[in-house]
Amino acid sequence: MISVTQLTKRFKEFTAVNELSFEMQPGDIVGFLGPNGAGKSTTMKMLTGFLAPTSGEIHIDGMDLATNSKAIQAKIGYLPEGAPAYGDMTVIQFLNFIAKVRGIDSQHRDQRIADVVQQLALEKVLDKPIENLSKGFKRRVGLAQAIVHDPQILILDEPTDGLDPNQKHQVRELIQHLSKDKLVIVSTHILEEVTAVCNRVIVIADGELRFDDTPEALLKQSKYHQAITLHLSYQADISGLLELQGVADMHVDRATGRVTLFPEPGAQILHLVTEYAQVRKLPVDTLYIEQGRLDEVFRTITKERVA
């Protein structure tokens, strides 16, 4: 569906995107991650044809974006960061306007708008000016305009920004539903979004590709992957835990009282830790296996490379 080869964008002396290459397929929900200034938004703008690359190629649905931009843009739904819209329009006026711009004929327009209004629960605000809406409703209106023409590719920049937990859950379910026959790209700084909806993660930093794999593979890069964390209800001697076979290191968080044991590569230490705690009668009130910590992996992957 999308093939990007050696994509580069320079603004005078500054290189925002540097020889980026990747491929995406229908059914993918791709989490596009990176720190501020990494080149995420610039890449999104190039994928939509809004910005021309300095060099490199973008092919979408078998077509070269450089020579088929209008045909490709018709296949894309885009939610920019901030969900910009015409504030003096009511929601229904805005959706009708977008549907007309997208070329949806009058015979199907009303039904298509009704479908997206129901999907995003916009019934209560249809006749309200967009400028009077809450941030959450503005975000949902932005999502509605992005999907009103039933695009093959959906590019969402911070889709759950400003939404409450219930609204986030609703939007994530919608994204998962849409991905059955579409390609969805989610640019986000919310790391939990990756494990909640994505089946693939691309991480960029300094305009360069740093990671491209599944969320599970990303978690496995964490030093906390398969570590054992436990909490004691009161202080006790835990020095012997560090001496257990397969335990490489131990970290005690004085603020929370949690103790984390890091295994040696390939070692399984859960049974040894639980057996030790039972024999020594350690006052353990919680004990669990760490799956990995995305924030720690993200910092490691995106930190500035030392030349």
Protein backbone atom coordinates (compact mmCIF):
# COMPACT_ATOMS: atom_id res chain seq x y z
CA MET A 1 0.00 0.00 0.00
CA ILE A 2 2.79 2.47 0.93
CA SER A 3 6.43 2.16 -0.10
CA VAL A 4 8.89 4.85 0.97
CA THR A 5 12.46 4.77 -0.36
CA GLN A 6 15.34 6.98 0.83
CA LEU A 7 12.95 9.80 1.70
CA THR A 8 14.76 13.05 2.57
CA LYS A 9 13.52 16.54 3.36
CA ARG A 10 15.82 19.51 3.92
CA PHE A 11 14.90 23.04 4.91
CA LYS A 12 17.97 25.03 3.85
CA GLU A 13 20.75 23.68 6.11
CA PHE A 14 18.43 21.64 8.35
CA THR A 15 17.66 18.01 7.50
CA ALA A 16 14.24 17.15 8.95
CA VAL A 17 14.00 13.65 7.41
CA ASN A 18 17.09 11.72 6.38
CA GLU A 19 16.92 8.77 3.93
CA LEU A 20 13.85 7.18 5.51
CA SER A 21 12.69 3.85 4.02
CA PHE A 22 9.76 1.60 5.04
CA GLU A 23 6.76 -0.29 3.66
CA MET A 24 3.20 -0.55 5.02
CA GLN A 25 0.36 -2.91 4.12
CA PRO A 26 -3.47 -2.89 4.45
CA GLY A 27 -4.50 -4.14 7.89
CA ASP A 28 -1.51 -2.51 9.55
CA ILE A 29 -2.09 -0.11 12.42
CA VAL A 30 1.28 1.60 12.54
CA GLY A 31 2.31 3.61 15.59
CA PHE A 32 4.60 6.37 14.31
CA LEU A 33 6.69 7.53 17.25
CA GLY A 34 9.47 9.98 17.88
CA PRO A 35 10.43 12.88 20.14
CA ASN A 36 9.49 16.47 19.30
CA GLY A 37 11.40 17.55 16.20
CA ALA A 38 12.07 13.98 15.09
CA GLY A 39 10.49 14.51 11.66
CA LYS A 40 7.12 12.81 12.25
CA SER A 41 4.89 15.65 11.05
CA THR A 42 7.20 16.38 8.09
CA THR A 43 6.99 12.73 7.04
CA MET A 44 3.18 12.78 7.38
CA LYS A 45 2.98 15.91 5.21
CA MET A 46 5.13 14.25 2.54
CA LEU A 47 2.97 11.10 2.59
CA THR A 48 -0.14 13.21 1.99
CA GLY A 49 1.49 15.20 -0.81
CA PHE A 50 1.36 18.45 1.16
CA LEU A 51 5.17 18.72 1.14
CA ALA A 52 7.44 17.64 -1.70
CA PRO A 53 10.50 15.63 -0.62
CA THR A 54 13.98 16.94 -1.36
CA SER A 55 14.86 13.46 -2.61
CA GLY A 56 13.57 9.90 -2.42
CA GLU A 57 10.36 8.25 -3.63
CA ILE A 58 6.88 7.60 -2.25
CA HIS A 59 4.67 4.99 -3.92
CA ILE A 60 1.09 4.55 -2.70
CA ASP A 61 -1.20 1.83 -4.06
CA GLY A 62 1.31 1.24 -6.86
CA MET A 63 1.40 4.89 -7.95
CA ASP A 64 4.21 7.44 -7.71
CA LEU A 65 3.06 10.30 -5.48
CA ALA A 66 5.16 12.80 -7.43
CA THR A 67 3.10 12.24 -10.60
CA ASN A 68 -0.25 11.02 -9.23
CA SER A 69 -0.83 13.22 -6.20
CA LYS A 70 -4.53 13.98 -6.80
CA ALA A 71 -5.51 10.34 -7.36
CA ILE A 72 -3.55 9.28 -4.27
CA GLN A 73 -4.93 12.07 -2.06
CA ALA A 74 -8.44 10.82 -2.84
CA LYS A 75 -7.50 7.53 -1.16
CA ILE A 76 -6.22 9.22 2.04
CA GLY A 77 -8.03 10.46 5.13
CA TYR A 78 -5.96 12.84 7.24
CA LEU A 79 -6.42 14.19 10.76
CA PRO A 80 -3.78 16.88 11.34
CA GLU A 81 -2.55 17.73 14.82
CA GLY A 82 -5.00 20.11 16.49
CA ALA A 83 -7.90 19.04 14.22
CA PRO A 84 -8.23 22.39 12.40
CA ALA A 85 -11.71 23.22 11.09
CA TYR A 86 -13.90 26.20 10.15
CA GLY A 87 -15.01 27.33 13.59
CA ASP A 88 -18.03 29.35 12.45
CA MET A 89 -19.58 26.32 10.73
CA THR A 90 -21.83 23.95 12.62
CA VAL A 91 -20.72 20.32 12.75
CA ILE A 92 -23.29 19.20 10.17
CA GLN A 93 -22.39 22.11 7.85
CA PHE A 94 -18.71 21.23 8.09
CA LEU A 95 -19.25 17.52 7.40
CA ASN A 96 -21.48 18.36 4.41
CA PHE A 97 -18.80 20.72 3.12
CA ILE A 98 -16.06 18.08 3.45
CA ALA A 99 -18.26 15.41 1.84
CA LYS A 100 -18.83 17.69 -1.16
CA VAL A 101 -15.11 18.53 -1.41
CA ARG A 102 -14.37 14.80 -1.32
CA GLY A 103 -16.73 14.27 -4.25
CA ILE A 104 -19.37 12.14 -2.49
CA ASP A 105 -22.47 12.36 -4.66
CA SER A 106 -25.73 13.67 -3.18
CA GLN A 107 -27.32 10.23 -3.44
CA HIS A 108 -24.91 8.77 -0.84
CA ARG A 109 -23.82 11.88 1.06
CA ASP A 110 -26.49 11.95 3.77
CA GLN A 111 -26.07 8.26 4.60
CA ARG A 112 -22.29 8.50 4.73
CA ILE A 113 -22.45 11.51 7.08
CA ALA A 114 -25.03 9.72 9.25
CA ASP A 115 -22.69 6.72 9.51
CA VAL A 116 -19.69 8.73 10.74
CA VAL A 117 -21.87 10.80 13.10
CA GLN A 118 -23.05 7.57 14.71
CA GLN A 119 -19.55 6.07 14.82
CA LEU A 120 -18.18 9.11 16.66
CA ALA A 121 -21.28 9.92 18.75
CA LEU A 122 -21.71 13.44 17.38
CA GLU A 123 -25.52 13.52 17.41
CA LYS A 124 -25.75 16.01 20.31
CA VAL A 125 -23.51 18.64 18.71
CA LEU A 126 -24.55 18.57 15.04
CA ASP A 127 -26.10 22.05 15.14
CA LYS A 128 -23.43 23.68 17.33
CA PRO A 129 -20.66 25.88 15.90
CA ILE A 130 -17.35 24.04 15.97
CA GLU A 131 -15.63 26.93 17.78
CA ASN A 132 -17.98 26.37 20.75
CA LEU A 133 -17.15 22.68 21.12
CA SER A 134 -14.89 21.14 23.75
CA LYS A 135 -11.43 19.96 22.70
CA GLY A 136 -12.66 16.36 22.77
CA PHE A 137 -15.60 17.02 20.44
CA LYS A 138 -13.37 19.03 18.08
CA ARG A 139 -11.09 16.00 17.91
CA ARG A 140 -14.04 13.74 17.08
CA VAL A 141 -15.24 16.13 14.36
CA GLY A 142 -11.71 16.00 12.95
CA LEU A 143 -11.86 12.21 12.89
CA ALA A 144 -15.27 12.32 11.22
CA GLN A 145 -14.01 14.48 8.34
CA ALA A 146 -11.01 12.17 7.92
CA ILE A 147 -13.19 9.08 7.38
CA VAL A 148 -16.29 10.53 5.71
CA HIS A 149 -15.12 9.43 2.22
CA ASP A 150 -14.20 5.92 3.43
CA PRO A 151 -10.47 6.22 2.58
CA GLN A 152 -8.11 3.29 2.02
CA ILE A 153 -5.38 4.99 4.06
CA LEU A 154 -6.02 6.84 7.30
CA ILE A 155 -3.30 9.11 8.72
CA LEU A 156 -4.03 10.33 12.25
CA ASP A 157 -1.86 12.85 14.08
CA GLU A 158 -2.51 12.58 17.85
CA PRO A 159 -6.05 11.13 17.40
CA THR A 160 -6.90 10.82 21.12
CA ASP A 161 -5.39 14.11 22.25
CA GLY A 162 -7.84 15.86 24.61
CA LEU A 163 -10.21 12.91 24.97
CA ASP A 164 -11.34 11.49 28.30
CA PRO A 165 -10.69 7.76 29.04
CA ASN A 166 -14.10 6.66 27.71
CA GLN A 167 -13.67 8.65 24.51
CA LYS A 168 -10.13 7.30 24.05
CA HIS A 169 -11.47 3.75 24.33
CA GLN A 170 -14.19 4.52 21.78
CA VAL A 171 -11.74 6.04 19.27
CA ARG A 172 -9.29 3.16 19.69
CA GLU A 173 -12.06 0.64 19.03
CA LEU A 174 -13.00 2.63 15.91
CA ILE A 175 -9.39 2.61 14.69
CA GLN A 176 -9.17 -1.17 15.18
CA HIS A 177 -12.46 -1.64 13.33
CA LEU A 178 -11.34 0.59 10.44
CA SER A 179 -8.04 -1.28 10.07
CA LYS A 180 -9.77 -4.48 8.89
CA ASP A 181 -9.56 -3.26 5.30
CA LYS A 182 -7.47 -0.10 5.61
CA LEU A 183 -3.98 1.02 6.47
CA VAL A 184 -3.98 3.23 9.58
CA ILE A 185 -0.98 5.35 10.61
CA VAL A 186 -1.13 6.83 14.11
CA SER A 187 1.39 9.52 14.97
CA THR A 188 1.39 9.90 18.73
CA HIS A 189 3.45 10.78 21.79
CA ILE A 190 1.15 8.68 24.01
CA LEU A 191 3.10 5.45 24.45
CA GLU A 192 0.10 3.49 25.76
CA GLU A 193 -1.53 4.05 22.36
CA VAL A 194 1.07 1.71 20.85
CA THR A 195 0.13 -1.30 22.97
CA ALA A 196 -3.58 -0.39 22.91
CA VAL A 197 -4.16 -0.29 19.13
CA CYS A 198 -1.02 -0.83 17.05
CA ASN A 199 0.33 -4.04 15.53
CA ARG A 200 3.47 -2.33 14.31
CA VAL A 201 5.75 0.45 15.55
CA ILE A 202 8.05 2.78 13.64
CA VAL A 203 10.32 5.00 15.73
CA ILE A 204 12.26 7.87 14.22
CA ALA A 205 14.69 10.32 15.80
CA ASP A 206 16.74 13.07 14.15
CA GLY A 207 14.83 12.26 10.97
CA GLU A 208 16.21 8.70 10.84
CA LEU A 209 14.59 5.29 11.26
CA ARG A 210 15.53 3.78 14.63
CA PHE A 211 13.01 0.91 14.97
CA ASP A 212 10.48 -0.93 12.78
CA ASP A 213 8.78 -4.01 14.25
CA THR A 214 5.91 -5.13 16.49
CA PRO A 215 5.05 -3.60 19.90
CA GLU A 216 6.09 -6.93 21.46
CA ALA A 217 9.52 -6.70 19.84
CA LEU A 218 9.83 -3.13 21.13
CA LEU A 219 9.05 -4.24 24.68
CA LYS A 220 11.66 -6.99 24.43
CA GLN A 221 14.31 -4.30 23.99
CA SER A 222 13.53 -3.01 27.47
CA LYS A 223 15.98 -3.91 30.21
CA TYR A 224 12.85 -4.60 32.30
CA HIS A 225 11.61 -7.34 29.94
CA GLN A 226 11.11 -10.52 32.03
CA ALA A 227 12.41 -8.75 35.16
CA ILE A 228 10.67 -9.61 38.44
CA THR A 229 9.26 -6.78 40.54
CA LEU A 230 8.04 -7.32 44.09
CA HIS A 231 6.86 -5.15 46.96
CA LEU A 232 7.34 -5.87 50.66
CA SER A 233 4.72 -4.84 53.22
CA TYR A 234 7.54 -3.96 55.65
CA GLN A 235 11.34 -3.84 55.61
CA ALA A 236 13.21 -7.15 55.54
CA ASP A 237 16.62 -8.48 54.55
CA ILE A 238 16.56 -8.95 50.76
CA SER A 239 20.30 -9.10 50.11
CA GLY A 240 20.10 -12.81 49.31
CA LEU A 241 17.90 -12.15 46.27
CA LEU A 242 20.89 -10.74 44.40
CA GLU A 243 22.80 -13.98 45.00
CA LEU A 244 20.19 -16.17 43.28
CA GLN A 245 21.33 -18.02 40.17
CA GLY A 246 20.39 -16.11 37.00
CA VAL A 247 19.91 -12.74 38.74
CA ALA A 248 22.17 -10.16 37.08
CA ASP A 249 21.21 -7.06 39.07
CA MET A 250 18.77 -5.68 41.61
CA HIS A 251 17.23 -2.23 41.93
CA VAL A 252 15.45 -0.95 45.03
CA ASP A 253 13.10 2.01 44.57
CA ARG A 254 13.16 3.72 47.97
CA ALA A 255 10.19 5.94 47.08
CA THR A 256 7.79 3.10 46.29
CA GLY A 257 9.44 0.22 48.14
CA ARG A 258 9.50 -1.88 44.97
CA VAL A 259 12.39 -4.25 44.35
CA THR A 260 13.21 -5.23 40.76
CA LEU A 261 15.41 -8.20 39.89
CA PHE A 262 16.96 -8.25 36.42
CA PRO A 263 17.69 -11.69 34.91
CA GLU A 264 20.79 -12.64 33.01
CA PRO A 265 20.18 -13.07 29.25
CA GLY A 266 17.88 -16.06 28.68
CA ALA A 267 17.52 -16.85 32.42
CA GLN A 268 14.15 -17.66 34.01
CA ILE A 269 14.19 -16.50 37.63
CA LEU A 270 10.52 -16.39 38.69
CA HIS A 271 10.49 -19.81 40.37
CA LEU A 272 13.75 -19.09 42.21
CA VAL A 273 12.48 -15.74 43.51
CA THR A 274 9.14 -17.12 44.70
CA GLU A 275 10.81 -20.11 46.36
CA TYR A 276 13.32 -17.85 48.13
CA ALA A 277 10.53 -15.52 49.33
CA GLN A 278 8.56 -18.47 50.76
CA VAL A 279 11.53 -20.11 52.48
CA ARG A 280 12.75 -16.81 53.99
CA LYS A 281 9.16 -15.75 54.78
CA LEU A 282 9.63 -12.39 53.09
CA PRO A 283 6.54 -10.15 53.54
CA VAL A 284 5.76 -9.96 49.80
CA ASP A 285 2.36 -8.46 49.05
CA THR A 286 2.78 -8.12 45.25
CA LEU A 287 5.01 -9.90 42.75
CA TYR A 288 4.81 -9.78 38.96
CA ILE A 289 6.80 -10.32 35.76
CA GLU A 290 7.63 -7.13 33.89
CA GLN A 291 6.66 -7.13 30.20
CA GLY A 292 8.97 -4.19 29.55
CA ARG A 293 8.66 -0.43 29.90
CA LEU A 294 8.01 1.55 26.75
CA ASP A 295 9.15 4.87 28.20
CA GLU A 296 12.58 3.41 29.00
CA VAL A 297 12.93 1.80 25.55
CA PHE A 298 11.78 5.00 23.86
CA ARG A 299 14.44 7.04 25.66
CA THR A 300 17.12 4.50 24.78
CA ILE A 301 16.20 4.31 21.09
CA THR A 302 15.72 8.03 20.51
CA LYS A 303 18.60 9.46 22.52
CA GLU A 304 21.07 11.41 20.44
CA ARG A 305 23.72 9.26 18.86
CA VAL A 306 27.27 10.04 19.85
CA ALA A 307 29.48 10.54 16.81
